[in-house]
Amino acid sequence: MPTPRAPYDLSGKAALITGAASGIGRATAVLLAGAGAAVHCADRDEPGLAETAGLVAEAGGSATVHPLDVTDRAALRAAVAAAGPLDITAAIAGIMHTSSVLETADEDLDRVLEINFKGVLRTCQEAARAMITAGRPGSIITMASGAVDAAQPGLLCYSAAKAAVVQLTKTLATEAGPHGIRVNAVAPGWIRTPMTGRHGPAVQEQTEAAMVRMSPLRRVGEPEDIAQAVLYLASDASSFMTGQILRPNGGVSMPW
């Protein structure tokens, strides 16, 4: 009788991670590689990708880099093919935009939807098609946000795109499930990343203080906190989970 695989053992599996040049994507690449996966790191930030690959190597893992923009379907398709046969996909790439509803321009919304929703859609489509063609079960993980549970001033574009990702996740789960493909989302709370720190140290410190007060755990999140949730969804430990939204947010949001 074969020895059962440890629940978080990803040995022999290939994983594609978009947004892998920094933040949550980088932490995910390092963690999945540490669990045994051959990680394929995609991002438009080439120096950041190289740094991520170096961190993966330092941890004893294997990383292949794919400089690409998630608005480029052909590049995504090529990355999926290079990673094949593909077992895991984590669609993490995204941007942040802040503007009030009344000040939001058409081009603002279009740009955020193009990357944060359509980029995730393209990634999911290419990954699912490859898995189905290969006849392999797999796990697709999307990146939603705590912003889908609570309205915040200035986050119309971001929240709308992430809400669309939630519906994409649930719908694809119903369609890909019969092929043995699980599709789940992670909806982080406020996480300390280069994106959340884009307005400078003073604003970041003020925001972190507010998040600490809101959280029952009295701390802010780190990229590694979210990477752990992705690892769970990528692994056999979540083999009976699909169409679900995990909320690692320190208890800031507790939807009914």
Protein backbone atom coordinates (compact mmCIF):
# COMPACT_ATOMS: atom_id res chain seq x y z
CA MET A 1 0.00 0.00 0.00
CA PRO A 2 1.50 3.39 -1.00
CA THR A 3 2.41 5.86 1.72
CA PRO A 4 -0.20 8.65 1.84
CA ARG A 5 1.03 12.04 0.75
CA ALA A 6 1.29 14.67 3.51
CA PRO A 7 -1.61 17.13 3.06
CA TYR A 8 0.63 20.09 2.24
CA ASP A 9 3.15 18.20 0.13
CA LEU A 10 3.19 19.65 -3.40
CA SER A 11 6.06 17.51 -4.68
CA GLY A 12 5.77 16.76 -8.38
CA LYS A 13 3.24 19.54 -8.95
CA ALA A 14 3.63 22.60 -11.15
CA ALA A 15 2.25 25.96 -10.02
CA LEU A 16 1.78 29.19 -11.96
CA ILE A 17 1.67 32.35 -9.85
CA THR A 18 0.88 35.75 -11.32
CA GLY A 19 1.93 38.89 -9.47
CA ALA A 20 4.95 36.96 -8.18
CA ALA A 21 7.43 39.85 -8.23
CA SER A 22 6.48 41.19 -4.79
CA GLY A 23 4.09 41.07 -1.85
CA ILE A 24 1.59 38.24 -1.64
CA GLY A 25 2.62 36.74 -4.96
CA ARG A 26 6.27 36.53 -3.92
CA ALA A 27 5.43 35.02 -0.53
CA THR A 28 3.20 32.47 -2.27
CA ALA A 29 5.91 31.48 -4.73
CA VAL A 30 8.44 30.93 -1.95
CA LEU A 31 6.00 28.96 0.22
CA LEU A 32 4.69 26.72 -2.56
CA ALA A 33 8.23 26.02 -3.72
CA GLY A 34 9.13 25.12 -0.13
CA ALA A 35 6.26 22.62 -0.17
CA GLY A 36 7.81 20.95 -3.20
CA ALA A 37 6.08 22.60 -6.16
CA ALA A 38 7.92 23.67 -9.29
CA VAL A 39 6.83 27.29 -9.37
CA HIS A 40 6.40 29.43 -12.48
CA CYS A 41 6.49 33.09 -11.52
CA ALA A 42 4.77 35.61 -13.77
CA ASP A 43 4.84 39.40 -13.49
CA ARG A 44 5.62 42.47 -15.58
CA ASP A 45 8.29 43.53 -13.06
CA GLU A 46 11.36 41.67 -14.35
CA PRO A 47 13.81 42.75 -11.61
CA GLY A 48 11.23 41.76 -8.99
CA LEU A 49 10.78 38.38 -10.66
CA ALA A 50 14.51 37.78 -10.58
CA GLU A 51 14.58 38.61 -6.88
CA THR A 52 11.71 36.22 -6.20
CA ALA A 53 13.48 33.46 -8.12
CA GLY A 54 16.56 34.07 -5.99
CA LEU A 55 14.54 33.76 -2.79
CA VAL A 56 12.99 30.53 -4.03
CA ALA A 57 16.44 29.15 -4.82
CA GLU A 58 17.73 30.17 -1.39
CA ALA A 59 14.88 28.17 0.12
CA GLY A 60 15.96 25.15 -1.91
CA GLY A 61 13.16 25.41 -4.48
CA SER A 62 12.87 25.68 -8.24
CA ALA A 63 11.49 28.76 -10.01
CA THR A 64 10.99 29.65 -13.67
CA VAL A 65 10.22 33.27 -14.47
CA HIS A 66 7.79 34.53 -17.09
CA PRO A 67 7.94 38.31 -17.64
CA LEU A 68 4.43 39.17 -18.80
CA ASP A 69 1.43 41.40 -18.31
CA VAL A 70 -1.87 39.72 -17.47
CA THR A 71 -3.54 41.87 -20.13
CA ASP A 72 -1.62 39.79 -22.72
CA ARG A 73 -3.52 36.55 -23.31
CA ALA A 74 -0.93 35.12 -25.67
CA ALA A 75 1.82 35.57 -23.08
CA LEU A 76 -0.35 33.95 -20.41
CA ARG A 77 -1.08 31.02 -22.70
CA ALA A 78 2.61 30.57 -23.35
CA ALA A 79 3.40 30.61 -19.62
CA VAL A 80 0.70 28.01 -18.93
CA ALA A 81 2.08 25.81 -21.72
CA ALA A 82 5.63 26.17 -20.37
CA ALA A 83 4.46 25.14 -16.91
CA GLY A 84 2.53 22.15 -18.17
CA PRO A 85 1.24 19.83 -17.13
CA LEU A 86 -0.17 22.44 -14.77
CA ASP A 87 -1.60 21.48 -11.38
CA ILE A 88 -1.97 24.78 -9.48
CA THR A 89 -2.67 28.35 -10.52
CA ALA A 90 -2.71 31.36 -8.19
CA ALA A 91 -4.03 34.47 -9.96
CA ILE A 92 -2.66 37.15 -7.67
CA ALA A 93 -1.61 40.01 -9.97
CA GLY A 94 -3.49 43.24 -9.32
CA ILE A 95 -3.29 46.99 -8.89
CA MET A 96 -4.85 49.53 -6.54
CA HIS A 97 -6.71 52.69 -7.51
CA THR A 98 -8.34 55.22 -5.22
CA SER A 99 -10.97 57.77 -6.22
CA SER A 100 -14.42 58.77 -5.03
CA VAL A 101 -17.43 57.57 -7.00
CA LEU A 102 -18.06 61.08 -8.33
CA GLU A 103 -14.43 61.53 -9.37
CA THR A 104 -13.99 58.11 -11.00
CA ALA A 105 -13.29 58.45 -14.72
CA ASP A 106 -14.18 55.80 -17.28
CA GLU A 107 -10.50 55.13 -17.95
CA ASP A 108 -9.85 54.57 -14.22
CA LEU A 109 -12.50 51.87 -14.01
CA ASP A 110 -11.45 50.34 -17.31
CA ARG A 111 -7.82 50.03 -16.22
CA VAL A 112 -8.63 48.40 -12.88
CA LEU A 113 -11.14 45.99 -14.41
CA GLU A 114 -8.67 45.13 -17.18
CA ILE A 115 -6.04 43.97 -14.70
CA ASN A 116 -7.88 43.01 -11.51
CA PHE A 117 -10.80 41.22 -13.15
CA LYS A 118 -10.05 40.49 -16.80
CA GLY A 119 -6.46 39.57 -15.96
CA VAL A 120 -7.73 37.04 -13.43
CA LEU A 121 -10.35 35.81 -15.91
CA ARG A 122 -7.72 35.27 -18.63
CA THR A 123 -5.43 33.47 -16.21
CA CYS A 124 -8.24 31.21 -15.02
CA GLN A 125 -9.40 30.48 -18.56
CA GLU A 126 -5.97 29.49 -19.82
CA ALA A 127 -5.20 27.41 -16.74
CA ALA A 128 -8.55 25.60 -16.74
CA ARG A 129 -8.36 24.87 -20.46
CA ALA A 130 -4.89 23.37 -20.05
CA MET A 131 -5.97 21.23 -17.09
CA ILE A 132 -9.07 19.97 -18.91
CA THR A 133 -7.13 19.21 -22.09
CA ALA A 134 -4.52 17.30 -20.10
CA GLY A 135 -7.22 15.45 -18.18
CA ARG A 136 -5.64 16.48 -14.88
CA PRO A 137 -7.37 17.56 -11.69
CA GLY A 138 -6.07 20.82 -10.28
CA SER A 139 -6.57 23.82 -8.06
CA ILE A 140 -7.13 27.40 -9.17
CA ILE A 141 -6.91 30.14 -6.56
CA THR A 142 -8.02 33.70 -7.20
CA MET A 143 -7.30 36.77 -5.11
CA ALA A 144 -10.37 38.66 -3.92
CA SER A 145 -10.32 41.18 -1.04
CA GLY A 146 -11.95 42.09 2.23
CA ALA A 147 -13.25 45.06 0.25
CA VAL A 148 -16.03 42.82 -1.10
CA ASP A 149 -17.54 42.60 2.40
CA ALA A 150 -17.51 46.24 3.46
CA ALA A 151 -17.73 49.52 1.56
CA GLN A 152 -14.82 51.93 1.92
CA PRO A 153 -14.66 55.47 0.53
CA GLY A 154 -12.53 55.69 -2.60
CA LEU A 155 -12.45 51.98 -3.41
CA LEU A 156 -15.20 51.71 -6.03
CA CYS A 157 -12.96 50.46 -8.86
CA TYR A 158 -10.99 48.05 -6.71
CA SER A 159 -14.03 46.69 -4.87
CA ALA A 160 -16.07 46.25 -8.05
CA ALA A 161 -13.26 44.30 -9.70
CA LYS A 162 -12.76 42.08 -6.66
CA ALA A 163 -16.51 41.43 -6.39
CA ALA A 164 -16.40 40.30 -10.00
CA VAL A 165 -13.53 37.97 -9.11
CA VAL A 166 -15.70 36.40 -6.40
CA GLN A 167 -18.46 35.68 -8.90
CA LEU A 168 -15.93 34.36 -11.42
CA THR A 169 -14.58 32.02 -8.77
CA LYS A 170 -17.99 30.63 -7.87
CA THR A 171 -19.13 30.26 -11.47
CA LEU A 172 -15.94 28.59 -12.66
CA ALA A 173 -16.11 26.23 -9.68
CA THR A 174 -19.48 24.96 -10.91
CA GLU A 175 -18.20 24.50 -14.46
CA ALA A 176 -14.75 23.07 -13.75
CA GLY A 177 -15.73 20.81 -10.86
CA PRO A 178 -16.79 17.88 -13.04
CA HIS A 179 -13.24 17.87 -14.45
CA GLY A 180 -11.75 17.54 -10.97
CA ILE A 181 -10.67 21.19 -10.87
CA ARG A 182 -11.27 23.12 -7.68
CA VAL A 183 -11.64 26.92 -7.77
CA ASN A 184 -11.49 29.01 -4.62
CA ALA A 185 -10.66 32.58 -3.64
CA VAL A 186 -8.70 34.23 -0.86
CA ALA A 187 -10.08 37.55 0.39
CA PRO A 188 -7.31 39.18 2.45
CA GLY A 189 -7.76 41.96 4.90
CA TRP A 190 -5.23 44.79 4.98
CA ILE A 191 -1.81 43.29 4.30
CA ARG A 192 1.56 45.02 4.59
CA THR A 193 2.82 45.00 0.98
CA PRO A 194 4.42 47.45 -1.43
CA MET A 195 0.96 48.12 -2.88
CA THR A 196 -0.60 49.08 0.45
CA GLY A 197 2.43 51.22 1.21
CA ARG A 198 2.27 53.15 -2.05
CA HIS A 199 1.33 56.45 -0.33
CA GLY A 200 4.43 56.49 1.87
CA PRO A 201 5.48 55.46 5.39
CA ALA A 202 3.38 58.07 7.22
CA VAL A 203 0.10 57.02 5.60
CA GLN A 204 0.99 53.37 5.95
CA GLU A 205 1.69 53.77 9.66
CA GLN A 206 -1.60 55.58 10.19
CA THR A 207 -3.53 52.92 8.27
CA GLU A 208 -1.84 50.10 10.14
CA ALA A 209 -2.73 51.66 13.46
CA ALA A 210 -6.39 51.81 12.41
CA MET A 211 -6.31 48.17 11.24
CA VAL A 212 -4.75 47.03 14.50
CA ARG A 213 -7.58 48.70 16.44
CA MET A 214 -10.18 46.96 14.25
CA SER A 215 -8.67 43.49 14.48
CA PRO A 216 -9.42 41.16 17.41
CA LEU A 217 -5.89 39.81 16.90
CA ARG A 218 -4.44 43.31 17.26
CA ARG A 219 -2.02 43.08 14.36
CA VAL A 220 -1.86 43.69 10.63
CA GLY A 221 -1.41 40.95 8.08
CA GLU A 222 1.81 39.96 6.35
CA PRO A 223 2.12 38.46 2.85
CA GLU A 224 3.04 35.13 4.41
CA ASP A 225 -0.34 35.01 6.17
CA ILE A 226 -2.07 35.02 2.81
CA ALA A 227 0.42 32.65 1.22
CA GLN A 228 -0.50 30.09 3.88
CA ALA A 229 -4.15 30.32 2.81
CA VAL A 230 -3.12 29.81 -0.83
CA LEU A 231 -1.03 26.78 0.16
CA TYR A 232 -4.03 25.25 1.90
CA LEU A 233 -6.21 25.73 -1.17
CA ALA A 234 -3.49 24.43 -3.47
CA SER A 235 -2.96 21.28 -1.43
CA ASP A 236 -4.82 18.04 -0.88
CA ALA A 237 -5.83 19.35 2.55
CA SER A 238 -8.65 21.25 0.81
CA SER A 239 -9.63 18.45 -1.57
CA PHE A 240 -13.35 18.81 -0.74
CA MET A 241 -13.43 22.58 -0.99
CA THR A 242 -14.48 24.53 -4.08
CA GLY A 243 -16.37 27.74 -4.81
CA GLN A 244 -15.38 29.09 -1.39
CA ILE A 245 -13.95 32.41 -0.22
CA LEU A 246 -11.34 32.23 2.55
CA ARG A 247 -11.05 35.41 4.61
CA PRO A 248 -7.69 35.73 6.37
CA ASN A 249 -8.23 39.24 7.70
CA GLY A 250 -7.50 39.15 11.41
CA GLY A 251 -11.21 39.19 12.19
CA VAL A 252 -11.74 42.70 10.78
CA SER A 253 -14.63 41.46 8.63
CA MET A 254 -17.04 38.78 9.84
CA PRO A 255 -19.83 38.43 7.22
CA TRP A 256 -22.97 36.53 8.13
